[in-house]
Amino acid sequence: MTNPATANASATLAVSTSANTTAVTSPSYAITNAADGSGTMTVSPTTATAGATTTLTFTYAAAAGGLSSGAVAITVPSGWTAPSTSSGHAGYTTASTGTVSVASQVITVSG
């Protein structure tokens, strides 16, 4: 069984059997999103050569419960090219889903 995708809601289950078709309703239970700061992120490749141009791919997986109206932020170390949302520029940053924004050395993907 998969819970509804909408968090901050509640639900009940109606259960019956073939021998007794009168449904019994469960107590209400909460549907919540994963806790802030949960989930995992990986990066590929895991090494970069000093002075070389390298494309890094970050993959985020939300913890059980998913993400709702949240965001994922990646801080680029000082000394690295600042992130950019302008195609063709050093530090160009994209996302396969959501909206990318950059501020100083922080990349944020939201939505």
C-alpha atoms as a PDB file:
ATOM      1  CA  MET A   1       0.000   0.000   0.000  1.00  0.00           C
ATOM      2  CA  THR A   2       1.250   3.484  -0.830  1.00  0.00           C
ATOM      3  CA  ASN A   3       0.082   6.498   1.166  1.00  0.00           C
ATOM      4  CA  PRO A   4      -1.193   9.579  -0.673  1.00  0.00           C
ATOM      5  CA  ALA A   5       1.466  11.973  -1.923  1.00  0.00           C
ATOM      6  CA  THR A   6      -0.005  14.870   0.074  1.00  0.00           C
ATOM      7  CA  ALA A   7       1.674  15.346   3.426  1.00  0.00           C
ATOM      8  CA  ASN A   8       0.268  17.096   6.451  1.00  0.00           C
ATOM      9  CA  ALA A   9      -2.985  15.245   5.950  1.00  0.00           C
ATOM     10  CA  SER A  10      -4.638  12.389   7.729  1.00  0.00           C
ATOM     11  CA  ALA A  11      -6.264   9.229   6.469  1.00  0.00           C
ATOM     12  CA  THR A  12      -8.208   6.232   7.629  1.00  0.00           C
ATOM     13  CA  LEU A  13      -8.397   2.737   6.225  1.00  0.00           C
ATOM     14  CA  ALA A  14     -11.577   0.744   5.686  1.00  0.00           C
ATOM     15  CA  VAL A  15     -10.986  -2.990   6.067  1.00  0.00           C
ATOM     16  CA  SER A  16     -13.342  -5.874   5.380  1.00  0.00           C
ATOM     17  CA  THR A  17     -13.004  -9.580   4.612  1.00  0.00           C
ATOM     18  CA  SER A  18     -14.773 -11.885   2.198  1.00  0.00           C
ATOM     19  CA  ALA A  19     -16.474 -13.555   5.180  1.00  0.00           C
ATOM     20  CA  ASN A  20     -17.571 -10.258   6.738  1.00  0.00           C
ATOM     21  CA  THR A  21     -18.111  -7.495   4.185  1.00  0.00           C
ATOM     22  CA  THR A  22     -18.970  -4.895   6.809  1.00  0.00           C
ATOM     23  CA  ALA A  23     -16.005  -2.526   6.768  1.00  0.00           C
ATOM     24  CA  VAL A  24     -14.190  -1.634   9.962  1.00  0.00           C
ATOM     25  CA  THR A  25     -12.561   1.808   9.902  1.00  0.00           C
ATOM     26  CA  SER A  26      -9.102   2.313  11.358  1.00  0.00           C
ATOM     27  CA  PRO A  27      -8.153   5.168  13.638  1.00  0.00           C
ATOM     28  CA  SER A  28      -6.931   8.247  11.773  1.00  0.00           C
ATOM     29  CA  TYR A  29      -3.195   8.362  11.046  1.00  0.00           C
ATOM     30  CA  ALA A  30      -0.971  11.238   9.925  1.00  0.00           C
ATOM     31  CA  ILE A  31       0.793  11.481   6.582  1.00  0.00           C
ATOM     32  CA  THR A  32       4.027  13.424   6.946  1.00  0.00           C
ATOM     33  CA  ASN A  33       7.083  14.328   4.910  1.00  0.00           C
ATOM     34  CA  ALA A  34      10.630  13.311   5.755  1.00  0.00           C
ATOM     35  CA  ALA A  35      12.385  15.346   8.439  1.00  0.00           C
ATOM     36  CA  ASP A  36      14.471  18.372   7.437  1.00  0.00           C
ATOM     37  CA  GLY A  37      18.056  17.373   6.758  1.00  0.00           C
ATOM     38  CA  SER A  38      17.177  13.794   5.893  1.00  0.00           C
ATOM     39  CA  GLY A  39      17.879  12.000   2.639  1.00  0.00           C
ATOM     40  CA  THR A  40      21.120  11.169   0.912  1.00  0.00           C
ATOM     41  CA  MET A  41      23.263  12.817  -1.744  1.00  0.00           C
ATOM     42  CA  THR A  42      25.962  11.335  -3.928  1.00  0.00           C
ATOM     43  CA  VAL A  43      28.416  12.970  -6.317  1.00  0.00           C
ATOM     44  CA  SER A  44      30.049  11.626  -9.453  1.00  0.00           C
ATOM     45  CA  PRO A  45      32.915  11.643 -10.142  1.00  0.00           C
ATOM     46  CA  THR A  46      34.304  11.565  -6.616  1.00  0.00           C
ATOM     47  CA  THR A  47      37.600  13.232  -7.545  1.00  0.00           C
ATOM     48  CA  ALA A  48      38.559  16.342  -9.503  1.00  0.00           C
ATOM     49  CA  THR A  49      41.975  17.298 -10.871  1.00  0.00           C
ATOM     50  CA  ALA A  50      43.315  20.680  -9.711  1.00  0.00           C
ATOM     51  CA  GLY A  51      42.988  23.307 -12.436  1.00  0.00           C
ATOM     52  CA  ALA A  52      40.938  21.048 -14.722  1.00  0.00           C
ATOM     53  CA  THR A  53      37.333  21.589 -15.805  1.00  0.00           C
ATOM     54  CA  THR A  54      35.154  18.853 -14.312  1.00  0.00           C
ATOM     55  CA  THR A  55      31.402  18.270 -14.498  1.00  0.00           C
ATOM     56  CA  LEU A  56      30.101  17.071 -11.140  1.00  0.00           C
ATOM     57  CA  THR A  57      26.712  15.358 -10.969  1.00  0.00           C
ATOM     58  CA  PHE A  58      24.933  15.428  -7.608  1.00  0.00           C
ATOM     59  CA  THR A  59      22.062  13.023  -7.011  1.00  0.00           C
ATOM     60  CA  TYR A  60      19.713  13.570  -4.083  1.00  0.00           C
ATOM     61  CA  ALA A  61      17.354  10.882  -2.774  1.00  0.00           C
ATOM     62  CA  ALA A  62      14.711  11.981  -0.283  1.00  0.00           C
ATOM     63  CA  ALA A  63      14.159   9.887   2.820  1.00  0.00           C
ATOM     64  CA  ALA A  64      10.894   7.984   3.282  1.00  0.00           C
ATOM     65  CA  GLY A  65       8.082  10.518   3.301  1.00  0.00           C
ATOM     66  CA  GLY A  66       9.569  12.569   0.482  1.00  0.00           C
ATOM     67  CA  LEU A  67      10.054  16.285   0.109  1.00  0.00           C
ATOM     68  CA  SER A  68       7.221  18.828  -0.025  1.00  0.00           C
ATOM     69  CA  SER A  69       7.887  22.496  -0.733  1.00  0.00           C
ATOM     70  CA  GLY A  70      11.483  21.857   0.296  1.00  0.00           C
ATOM     71  CA  ALA A  71      14.841  22.596  -1.217  1.00  0.00           C
ATOM     72  CA  VAL A  72      18.269  21.055  -1.569  1.00  0.00           C
ATOM     73  CA  ALA A  73      21.301  23.323  -1.129  1.00  0.00           C
ATOM     74  CA  ILE A  74      24.888  22.631  -2.171  1.00  0.00           C
ATOM     75  CA  THR A  75      27.690  24.926  -0.993  1.00  0.00           C
ATOM     76  CA  VAL A  76      30.555  25.215  -3.463  1.00  0.00           C
ATOM     77  CA  PRO A  77      33.917  25.505  -1.668  1.00  0.00           C
ATOM     78  CA  SER A  78      35.688  28.867  -1.723  1.00  0.00           C
ATOM     79  CA  GLY A  79      38.362  28.968  -4.395  1.00  0.00           C
ATOM     80  CA  TRP A  80      36.138  27.072  -6.851  1.00  0.00           C
ATOM     81  CA  THR A  81      34.346  28.828  -9.693  1.00  0.00           C
ATOM     82  CA  ALA A  82      31.164  30.451  -8.410  1.00  0.00           C
ATOM     83  CA  PRO A  83      28.011  28.707  -9.620  1.00  0.00           C
ATOM     84  CA  SER A  84      26.018  30.304 -12.423  1.00  0.00           C
ATOM     85  CA  THR A  85      22.654  29.764 -14.104  1.00  0.00           C
ATOM     86  CA  SER A  86      23.904  31.212 -17.408  1.00  0.00           C
ATOM     87  CA  SER A  87      24.582  28.617 -20.094  1.00  0.00           C
ATOM     88  CA  GLY A  88      28.096  28.728 -21.480  1.00  0.00           C
ATOM     89  CA  HIS A  89      29.572  30.297 -18.356  1.00  0.00           C
ATOM     90  CA  ALA A  90      31.968  28.615 -15.949  1.00  0.00           C
ATOM     91  CA  GLY A  91      30.070  27.122 -13.033  1.00  0.00           C
ATOM     92  CA  TYR A  92      26.913  26.612 -15.136  1.00  0.00           C
ATOM     93  CA  THR A  93      24.395  24.748 -12.999  1.00  0.00           C
ATOM     94  CA  THR A  94      21.277  22.829 -14.044  1.00  0.00           C
ATOM     95  CA  ALA A  95      18.811  20.438 -12.411  1.00  0.00           C
ATOM     96  CA  SER A  96      16.747  17.620 -13.894  1.00  0.00           C
ATOM     97  CA  THR A  97      13.756  18.766 -11.825  1.00  0.00           C
ATOM     98  CA  GLY A  98      12.823  21.843  -9.827  1.00  0.00           C
ATOM     99  CA  THR A  99      14.154  25.372 -10.100  1.00  0.00           C
ATOM    100  CA  VAL A 100      17.835  26.277  -9.715  1.00  0.00           C
ATOM    101  CA  SER A 101      18.986  29.471  -8.038  1.00  0.00           C
ATOM    102  CA  VAL A 102      22.436  30.573  -6.976  1.00  0.00           C
ATOM    103  CA  ALA A 103      23.623  33.042  -4.361  1.00  0.00           C
ATOM    104  CA  SER A 104      27.322  33.490  -3.826  1.00  0.00           C
ATOM    105  CA  GLN A 105      28.717  29.942  -3.512  1.00  0.00           C
ATOM    106  CA  VAL A 106      25.365  28.235  -2.758  1.00  0.00           C
ATOM    107  CA  ILE A 107      23.305  26.342  -5.337  1.00  0.00           C
ATOM    108  CA  THR A 108      19.659  25.786  -4.338  1.00  0.00           C
ATOM    109  CA  VAL A 109      17.208  23.492  -6.120  1.00  0.00           C
ATOM    110  CA  SER A 110      13.599  23.936  -5.049  1.00  0.00           C
ATOM    111  CA  GLY A 111      10.143  22.926  -6.153  1.00  0.00           C
END
